[in-house]
């Protein structure tokens, strides 16, 4: 689910987190995405300070919630690192998808490829892509700052190459496929059209538009369950080996993890 963080100084950013993330895990996500040390973070929601050992369910944090972030003991070096991040938009035209990542100028092209592989749950392999910035091929060992030293955003084109072992039949099959997803809550069901590389969080967003009553946490539920497993909203349907026509259920109560 998407949660927005805002500082008293007006800094705002949105991060996708798991539905049952602990506060400690949320701070780790902020560290990873924004470079703010965990010990410097203090989080507040609905006037209450969030304690590390509790989770989003305990504090009733839902998709679209806003959390106040106070940053303490931030040294000039930390502030500089925080403000000097690079927002990279990866355009994968062959899949019809755009992927947003936050990195540092010192990160190299190889690390960018690895993050792309991670964020697609292995559907796009790091050693099978070529990246282009302003029509210039990006080399693995070079840092992002060597291609873009003046601004804090880069738009990068991704070209996916055909694996050497892929046969002709496999080559004709698209990596990104549309599929029917049945979402069930109690006796109610709705069918949505998704892609196998869509995040579970994107399923929640689409469901909130088509059938918002499915997501009302009147009974303490609201998480997605597939084959008796709670689905992490940062993963894709492909990661769960979801097949077109399969059913995802919305929990009605507490789930033991």
Protein backbone atom coordinates (compact mmCIF):
# COMPACT_ATOMS: atom_id res chain seq x y z
CA UNK A 1 0.00 0.00 0.00
CA UNK A 2 1.07 3.61 -0.57
CA UNK A 3 1.79 5.76 2.49
CA UNK A 4 2.80 9.44 2.30
CA UNK A 5 5.34 10.98 4.69
CA UNK A 6 5.65 14.71 5.32
CA UNK A 7 8.08 16.79 7.39
CA UNK A 8 7.20 20.08 9.14
CA UNK A 9 9.41 21.80 6.53
CA UNK A 10 7.11 20.65 3.73
CA UNK A 11 9.17 17.75 2.40
CA UNK A 12 6.78 15.07 1.10
CA UNK A 13 7.33 11.62 -0.44
CA UNK A 14 5.34 8.42 -0.88
CA UNK A 15 6.59 4.88 -0.25
CA UNK A 16 4.97 1.51 -0.89
CA UNK A 17 4.97 -0.64 2.25
CA UNK A 18 3.53 -4.01 3.21
CA UNK A 19 0.06 -4.01 4.77
CA UNK A 20 1.35 -5.41 8.09
CA UNK A 21 4.73 -3.64 8.18
CA UNK A 22 6.20 -2.91 11.60
CA UNK A 23 7.23 0.66 12.40
CA UNK A 24 10.85 -0.52 12.39
CA UNK A 25 10.37 -1.89 8.87
CA UNK A 26 8.82 1.43 7.77
CA UNK A 27 11.90 3.27 9.04
CA UNK A 28 14.09 0.86 7.09
CA UNK A 29 12.11 1.70 3.95
CA UNK A 30 12.61 5.42 4.58
CA UNK A 31 16.33 4.81 5.03
CA UNK A 32 16.48 2.84 1.78
CA UNK A 33 14.42 5.29 -0.29
CA UNK A 34 15.40 8.65 1.22
CA UNK A 35 18.73 8.05 2.97
CA UNK A 36 17.49 9.22 6.39
CA UNK A 37 19.11 7.21 9.24
CA UNK A 38 16.61 5.21 11.30
CA UNK A 39 17.85 6.69 14.58
CA UNK A 40 17.12 10.18 13.23
CA UNK A 41 13.48 9.36 12.42
CA UNK A 42 10.47 10.03 14.63
CA UNK A 43 7.06 9.13 13.17
CA UNK A 44 3.61 10.37 14.21
CA UNK A 45 0.14 9.34 13.02
CA UNK A 46 -3.13 10.82 14.28
CA UNK A 47 -1.21 12.63 17.02
CA UNK A 48 0.48 9.48 18.35
CA UNK A 49 4.17 8.64 18.15
CA UNK A 50 4.73 5.30 16.40
CA UNK A 51 6.72 2.73 18.39
CA UNK A 52 9.12 0.43 16.55
CA UNK A 53 7.66 -2.88 17.75
CA UNK A 54 4.07 -2.17 16.65
CA UNK A 55 2.71 -2.45 13.11
CA UNK A 56 0.40 -0.63 10.70
CA UNK A 57 -2.61 -2.69 11.77
CA UNK A 58 -2.14 -1.63 15.41
CA UNK A 59 -2.13 2.06 14.43
CA UNK A 60 -4.88 1.67 11.75
CA UNK A 61 -2.55 2.92 9.01
CA UNK A 62 -4.17 2.23 5.64
CA UNK A 63 -3.50 2.81 1.96
CA UNK A 64 -3.30 6.58 1.40
CA UNK A 65 -2.50 7.48 5.03
CA UNK A 66 -0.27 10.48 5.81
CA UNK A 67 2.45 10.18 8.48
CA UNK A 68 4.37 13.05 10.06
CA UNK A 69 8.16 12.60 9.97
CA UNK A 70 10.48 14.48 12.31
CA UNK A 71 14.21 14.27 11.57
CA UNK A 72 16.49 14.63 14.60
CA UNK A 73 20.27 15.10 14.85
CA UNK A 74 20.62 15.32 11.08
CA UNK A 75 24.20 16.33 10.40
CA UNK A 76 25.03 18.52 7.37
CA UNK A 77 26.42 15.42 5.64
CA UNK A 78 23.13 13.58 6.13
CA UNK A 79 21.10 16.55 4.90
CA UNK A 80 23.32 16.85 1.85
CA UNK A 81 22.99 13.15 1.06
CA UNK A 82 19.24 13.35 1.59
CA UNK A 83 18.85 16.27 -0.81
CA UNK A 84 21.23 14.95 -3.46
CA UNK A 85 19.34 11.80 -4.38
CA UNK A 86 18.47 10.98 -7.97
CA UNK A 87 14.94 9.97 -8.97
CA UNK A 88 15.23 7.54 -11.88
CA UNK A 89 12.28 6.74 -14.15
CA UNK A 90 12.89 3.53 -16.09
CA UNK A 91 10.80 3.20 -19.24
CA UNK A 92 10.37 -0.40 -20.43
CA UNK A 93 8.53 0.15 -23.71
CA UNK A 94 8.42 -3.56 -24.61
CA UNK A 95 6.38 -4.19 -21.45
CA UNK A 96 4.43 -0.95 -21.46
CA UNK A 97 5.63 -0.14 -17.94
CA UNK A 98 7.46 2.68 -16.12
CA UNK A 99 9.36 1.97 -12.91
CA UNK A 100 10.38 4.66 -10.40
CA UNK A 101 13.51 4.27 -8.26
CA UNK A 102 15.41 6.53 -5.88
CA UNK A 103 19.21 6.26 -5.87
CA UNK A 104 22.32 8.27 -5.08
CA UNK A 105 24.53 9.88 -7.76
CA UNK A 106 27.35 7.55 -6.64
CA UNK A 107 25.33 4.43 -7.54
CA UNK A 108 26.59 2.83 -10.75
CA UNK A 109 24.71 1.45 -13.74
CA UNK A 110 25.15 -2.17 -12.59
CA UNK A 111 23.41 -1.36 -9.30
CA UNK A 112 20.59 0.30 -11.22
CA UNK A 113 20.12 -2.87 -13.27
CA UNK A 114 20.07 -5.00 -10.11
CA UNK A 115 17.40 -2.77 -8.57
CA UNK A 116 15.36 -3.07 -11.76
CA UNK A 117 15.56 -6.86 -11.46
CA UNK A 118 14.56 -6.67 -7.78
CA UNK A 119 11.56 -4.40 -8.43
CA UNK A 120 10.24 -6.70 -11.16
CA UNK A 121 10.70 -9.79 -8.99
CA UNK A 122 13.16 -11.25 -11.49
CA UNK A 123 10.89 -10.86 -14.53
CA UNK A 124 13.54 -8.54 -16.00
CA UNK A 125 17.06 -9.87 -15.44
CA UNK A 126 19.96 -7.49 -14.88
CA UNK A 127 22.20 -9.24 -17.39
CA UNK A 128 19.56 -9.08 -20.13
CA UNK A 129 18.97 -5.32 -20.26
CA UNK A 130 20.72 -2.37 -21.87
CA UNK A 131 20.09 1.12 -20.50
CA UNK A 132 20.09 4.37 -22.48
CA UNK A 133 20.11 7.96 -21.20
CA UNK A 134 19.58 10.69 -23.80
CA UNK A 135 20.13 8.00 -26.48
CA UNK A 136 23.57 7.21 -25.02
CA UNK A 137 24.27 3.63 -23.91
CA UNK A 138 25.06 3.49 -20.19
CA UNK A 139 28.11 1.45 -19.15
CA UNK A 140 27.93 -0.82 -16.09
CA UNK A 141 30.93 0.54 -14.17
CA UNK A 142 30.04 4.21 -14.50
CA UNK A 143 28.14 6.15 -11.83
CA UNK A 144 24.84 7.93 -12.50
CA UNK A 145 26.53 11.29 -11.86
CA UNK A 146 28.69 10.76 -14.95
CA UNK A 147 25.56 10.84 -17.10
CA UNK A 148 23.54 13.42 -15.20
CA UNK A 149 25.43 15.69 -12.80
CA UNK A 150 23.17 18.75 -12.79
CA UNK A 151 19.58 17.62 -12.08
CA UNK A 152 17.92 15.27 -9.61
CA UNK A 153 15.84 13.24 -12.08
CA UNK A 154 16.75 10.91 -14.94
CA UNK A 155 14.56 9.21 -17.54
CA UNK A 156 16.22 6.01 -18.68
CA UNK A 157 15.11 3.77 -21.56
CA UNK A 158 15.35 0.02 -20.97
CA UNK A 159 15.93 -2.41 -23.83
CA UNK A 160 15.37 -6.07 -22.93
CA UNK A 161 17.51 -8.46 -24.97
CA UNK A 162 16.51 -12.01 -25.88
CA UNK A 163 18.24 -14.63 -23.70
CA UNK A 164 20.63 -16.83 -25.75
CA UNK A 165 18.82 -20.03 -24.77
CA UNK A 166 15.35 -18.79 -25.69
CA UNK A 167 13.83 -20.73 -28.59
CA UNK A 168 11.62 -19.26 -31.33
CA UNK A 169 8.38 -20.32 -29.66
CA UNK A 170 9.38 -18.66 -26.37
CA UNK A 171 10.51 -15.50 -28.17
CA UNK A 172 7.00 -14.98 -29.57
CA UNK A 173 5.46 -15.07 -26.10
CA UNK A 174 5.32 -11.63 -24.42
CA UNK A 175 6.92 -11.31 -21.01
CA UNK A 176 4.17 -8.97 -19.86
CA UNK A 177 0.76 -10.67 -20.10
CA UNK A 178 -2.75 -9.54 -19.33
CA UNK A 179 -4.73 -11.75 -16.99
CA UNK A 180 -8.08 -11.99 -15.25
CA UNK A 181 -7.96 -11.61 -11.48
CA UNK A 182 -10.94 -12.66 -9.37
CA UNK A 183 -11.13 -10.77 -6.07
CA UNK A 184 -13.47 -12.24 -3.48
CA UNK A 185 -14.71 -10.88 -0.17
CA UNK A 186 -17.25 -13.07 1.54
CA UNK A 187 -19.97 -13.88 -1.00
CA UNK A 188 -19.06 -10.93 -3.23
CA UNK A 189 -16.71 -11.16 -6.18
CA UNK A 190 -15.33 -8.78 -8.78
CA UNK A 191 -13.16 -9.60 -11.81
CA UNK A 192 -10.33 -7.23 -12.78
CA UNK A 193 -7.94 -7.17 -15.72
CA UNK A 194 -4.32 -6.87 -14.59
CA UNK A 195 -0.84 -7.65 -15.93
CA UNK A 196 1.44 -10.31 -14.51
CA UNK A 197 4.08 -7.65 -13.70
CA UNK A 198 1.65 -5.41 -11.79
CA UNK A 199 2.34 -4.96 -8.09
CA UNK A 200 -0.21 -6.19 -5.56
CA UNK A 201 -0.41 -2.55 -4.44
CA UNK A 202 -1.64 -1.66 -7.95
CA UNK A 203 -4.39 -4.25 -7.54
CA UNK A 204 -5.52 -2.42 -4.40
CA UNK A 205 -5.52 0.91 -6.27
CA UNK A 206 -7.63 -0.48 -9.12
CA UNK A 207 -10.01 -2.21 -6.71
CA UNK A 208 -10.49 1.05 -4.76
CA UNK A 209 -11.84 2.62 -7.96
CA UNK A 210 -13.98 -0.27 -9.19
CA UNK A 211 -15.32 -1.65 -5.89
CA UNK A 212 -14.23 0.59 -2.97
CA UNK A 213 -16.62 -1.16 -0.57
CA UNK A 214 -14.38 -4.25 -0.79
CA UNK A 215 -11.62 -2.37 1.03
CA UNK A 216 -13.57 -0.85 3.91
CA UNK A 217 -11.93 -2.28 7.07
CA UNK A 218 -15.21 -2.67 8.94
CA UNK A 219 -14.17 -6.07 10.26
CA UNK A 220 -10.46 -5.48 10.80
CA UNK A 221 -9.49 -7.11 7.51
CA UNK A 222 -8.44 -5.74 4.17
CA UNK A 223 -5.27 -7.67 3.28
CA UNK A 224 -5.01 -9.80 0.14
CA UNK A 225 -4.70 -13.58 0.55
CA UNK A 226 -3.67 -16.02 -2.21
CA UNK A 227 -3.51 -19.76 -1.56
CA UNK A 228 -3.75 -19.09 2.21
CA UNK A 229 -0.77 -16.69 2.17
CA UNK A 230 -0.94 -12.96 2.88
CA UNK A 231 0.36 -11.11 -0.19
CA UNK A 232 3.11 -8.51 0.16
CA UNK A 233 1.97 -5.44 -1.77
CA UNK A 234 5.54 -4.72 -2.90
CA UNK A 235 5.57 -7.98 -4.92
CA UNK A 236 4.06 -8.65 -8.34
CA UNK A 237 1.47 -11.20 -9.42
CA UNK A 238 4.31 -12.90 -11.32
CA UNK A 239 6.23 -13.35 -8.05
CA UNK A 240 3.33 -15.34 -6.58
CA UNK A 241 3.08 -17.46 -9.79
CA UNK A 242 -0.48 -16.20 -10.14
CA UNK A 243 -2.40 -17.67 -13.09
CA UNK A 244 -5.13 -15.92 -15.05
CA UNK A 245 -8.53 -16.75 -13.56
CA UNK A 246 -7.20 -17.52 -10.08
CA UNK A 247 -8.92 -16.01 -7.04
CA UNK A 248 -7.51 -13.61 -4.45
CA UNK A 249 -9.47 -13.26 -1.23
CA UNK A 250 -9.68 -10.26 1.08
CA UNK A 251 -9.28 -11.21 4.72
CA UNK A 252 -12.13 -10.64 7.14
CA UNK A 253 -10.14 -10.64 10.34
CA UNK A 254 -6.78 -11.08 11.99
CA UNK A 255 -4.28 -13.36 10.27
CA UNK A 256 -1.50 -15.17 12.09
CA UNK A 257 1.88 -14.61 10.40
